[in-house]
Amino acid sequence: MAQKSARKSIKFRQSLFWDVDPKTIDLERNAKYIIERTLEFGNDDEVRWMWSHYSPELIRDVVDNRRGLRSTVKPLWEALTSKTS
């Protein structure tokens, strides 16, 4: 998994991960889950952290392939992660 070199840690909000204990989340193993929740419900700091921690390719993969993104949110992230020539 391609990761960026910046490894600033973050304390996840319980409201972002309401269905699990945020302290048990593994940043690498649960990367797609973390990205999906951050795209859906993250605040500015969490989205900035996501961009600094995960590669644009991995984030785009989540946007393209995860079913959990709502139809009201997905077009925004498709536009923000699209490659321009």
C-alpha atoms as a PDB file:
ATOM      1  CA  MET A   1       0.000   0.000   0.000  1.00  0.00           C
ATOM      2  CA  ALA A   2       1.541   3.265  -1.091  1.00  0.00           C
ATOM      3  CA  GLN A   3       1.727   5.658   1.836  1.00  0.00           C
ATOM      4  CA  LYS A   4       2.991   9.204   2.005  1.00  0.00           C
ATOM      5  CA  SER A   5       5.960   9.879   4.234  1.00  0.00           C
ATOM      6  CA  ALA A   6       4.126  12.292   6.549  1.00  0.00           C
ATOM      7  CA  ARG A   7       2.940  10.217   9.491  1.00  0.00           C
ATOM      8  CA  LYS A   8       1.195  12.706  11.733  1.00  0.00           C
ATOM      9  CA  SER A   9      -1.046  10.765  14.098  1.00  0.00           C
ATOM     10  CA  ILE A  10      -4.676  11.627  14.671  1.00  0.00           C
ATOM     11  CA  LYS A  11      -7.133  10.927  17.450  1.00  0.00           C
ATOM     12  CA  PHE A  12     -10.307   9.694  15.793  1.00  0.00           C
ATOM     13  CA  ARG A  13     -13.637  11.048  17.010  1.00  0.00           C
ATOM     14  CA  GLN A  14     -16.107   8.500  18.332  1.00  0.00           C
ATOM     15  CA  SER A  15     -18.799  10.159  16.179  1.00  0.00           C
ATOM     16  CA  LEU A  16     -16.753   9.395  13.045  1.00  0.00           C
ATOM     17  CA  PHE A  17     -16.420   5.725  13.981  1.00  0.00           C
ATOM     18  CA  TRP A  18     -19.612   5.238  15.974  1.00  0.00           C
ATOM     19  CA  ASP A  19     -19.738   1.485  15.351  1.00  0.00           C
ATOM     20  CA  VAL A  20     -16.244   0.614  16.632  1.00  0.00           C
ATOM     21  CA  ASP A  21     -13.813   1.694  19.319  1.00  0.00           C
ATOM     22  CA  PRO A  22     -11.593   4.269  17.524  1.00  0.00           C
ATOM     23  CA  LYS A  23      -8.601   3.114  19.606  1.00  0.00           C
ATOM     24  CA  THR A  24      -8.748  -0.320  17.936  1.00  0.00           C
ATOM     25  CA  ILE A  25      -8.519   0.950  14.353  1.00  0.00           C
ATOM     26  CA  ASP A  26      -5.354  -0.055  12.512  1.00  0.00           C
ATOM     27  CA  LEU A  27      -4.283   2.719  10.112  1.00  0.00           C
ATOM     28  CA  GLU A  28      -2.948   0.304   7.506  1.00  0.00           C
ATOM     29  CA  ARG A  29      -5.251  -2.697   7.802  1.00  0.00           C
ATOM     30  CA  ASN A  30      -8.385  -0.540   8.016  1.00  0.00           C
ATOM     31  CA  ALA A  31      -7.249   2.120   5.532  1.00  0.00           C
ATOM     32  CA  LYS A  32     -10.222   1.845   3.150  1.00  0.00           C
ATOM     33  CA  TYR A  33     -12.690   1.937   6.039  1.00  0.00           C
ATOM     34  CA  ILE A  34     -10.957   5.012   7.495  1.00  0.00           C
ATOM     35  CA  ILE A  35     -10.897   6.776   4.135  1.00  0.00           C
ATOM     36  CA  GLU A  36     -14.557   6.013   3.454  1.00  0.00           C
ATOM     37  CA  ARG A  37     -15.699   7.342   6.818  1.00  0.00           C
ATOM     38  CA  THR A  38     -13.490  10.408   6.468  1.00  0.00           C
ATOM     39  CA  LEU A  39     -14.850  11.168   2.997  1.00  0.00           C
ATOM     40  CA  GLU A  40     -18.393  10.802   4.302  1.00  0.00           C
ATOM     41  CA  PHE A  41     -18.247  12.428   7.718  1.00  0.00           C
ATOM     42  CA  GLY A  42     -14.780  13.869   8.333  1.00  0.00           C
ATOM     43  CA  ASN A  43     -14.146  17.428   9.429  1.00  0.00           C
ATOM     44  CA  ASP A  44     -11.508  19.653   7.800  1.00  0.00           C
ATOM     45  CA  ASP A  45      -8.672  18.413  10.036  1.00  0.00           C
ATOM     46  CA  GLU A  46      -9.564  14.758   9.447  1.00  0.00           C
ATOM     47  CA  VAL A  47      -9.730  15.231   5.670  1.00  0.00           C
ATOM     48  CA  ARG A  48      -6.361  17.022   5.675  1.00  0.00           C
ATOM     49  CA  TRP A  49      -4.891  14.194   7.754  1.00  0.00           C
ATOM     50  CA  MET A  50      -6.316  11.618   5.324  1.00  0.00           C
ATOM     51  CA  TRP A  51      -4.672  13.389   2.348  1.00  0.00           C
ATOM     52  CA  SER A  52      -1.335  13.543   4.196  1.00  0.00           C
ATOM     53  CA  HIS A  53      -1.436   9.898   5.302  1.00  0.00           C
ATOM     54  CA  TYR A  54      -2.868   8.000   2.327  1.00  0.00           C
ATOM     55  CA  SER A  55      -1.934   8.120  -1.340  1.00  0.00           C
ATOM     56  CA  PRO A  56      -4.213   9.845  -3.869  1.00  0.00           C
ATOM     57  CA  GLU A  57      -4.444   6.505  -5.707  1.00  0.00           C
ATOM     58  CA  LEU A  58      -5.782   4.705  -2.638  1.00  0.00           C
ATOM     59  CA  ILE A  59      -8.268   7.491  -1.911  1.00  0.00           C
ATOM     60  CA  ARG A  60      -9.446   7.396  -5.546  1.00  0.00           C
ATOM     61  CA  ASP A  61      -9.798   3.603  -5.312  1.00  0.00           C
ATOM     62  CA  VAL A  62     -12.111   4.051  -2.323  1.00  0.00           C
ATOM     63  CA  VAL A  63     -14.145   6.684  -4.188  1.00  0.00           C
ATOM     64  CA  ASP A  64     -14.446   4.406  -7.231  1.00  0.00           C
ATOM     65  CA  ASN A  65     -15.090   1.081  -5.529  1.00  0.00           C
ATOM     66  CA  ARG A  66     -16.639   1.424  -2.081  1.00  0.00           C
ATOM     67  CA  ARG A  67     -20.404   1.160  -1.922  1.00  0.00           C
ATOM     68  CA  GLY A  68     -20.669   3.062   1.354  1.00  0.00           C
ATOM     69  CA  LEU A  69     -20.310   6.515  -0.188  1.00  0.00           C
ATOM     70  CA  ARG A  70     -23.682   8.223  -0.494  1.00  0.00           C
ATOM     71  CA  SER A  71     -24.789   9.470  -3.904  1.00  0.00           C
ATOM     72  CA  THR A  72     -24.817  13.015  -2.520  1.00  0.00           C
ATOM     73  CA  VAL A  73     -21.142  12.790  -1.504  1.00  0.00           C
ATOM     74  CA  LYS A  74     -19.577  10.622  -4.200  1.00  0.00           C
ATOM     75  CA  PRO A  75     -19.694  13.156  -7.105  1.00  0.00           C
ATOM     76  CA  LEU A  76     -17.760  15.705  -5.058  1.00  0.00           C
ATOM     77  CA  TRP A  77     -14.979  13.243  -4.274  1.00  0.00           C
ATOM     78  CA  GLU A  78     -14.957  11.957  -7.864  1.00  0.00           C
ATOM     79  CA  ALA A  79     -14.311  15.507  -9.021  1.00  0.00           C
ATOM     80  CA  LEU A  80     -11.681  16.170  -6.368  1.00  0.00           C
ATOM     81  CA  THR A  81      -9.783  12.942  -7.032  1.00  0.00           C
ATOM     82  CA  SER A  82      -9.996  12.887 -10.820  1.00  0.00           C
ATOM     83  CA  LYS A  83      -6.815  13.062 -12.828  1.00  0.00           C
ATOM     84  CA  THR A  84      -6.587  16.053 -15.100  1.00  0.00           C
ATOM     85  CA  SER A  85      -4.462  16.089 -18.209  1.00  0.00           C
END
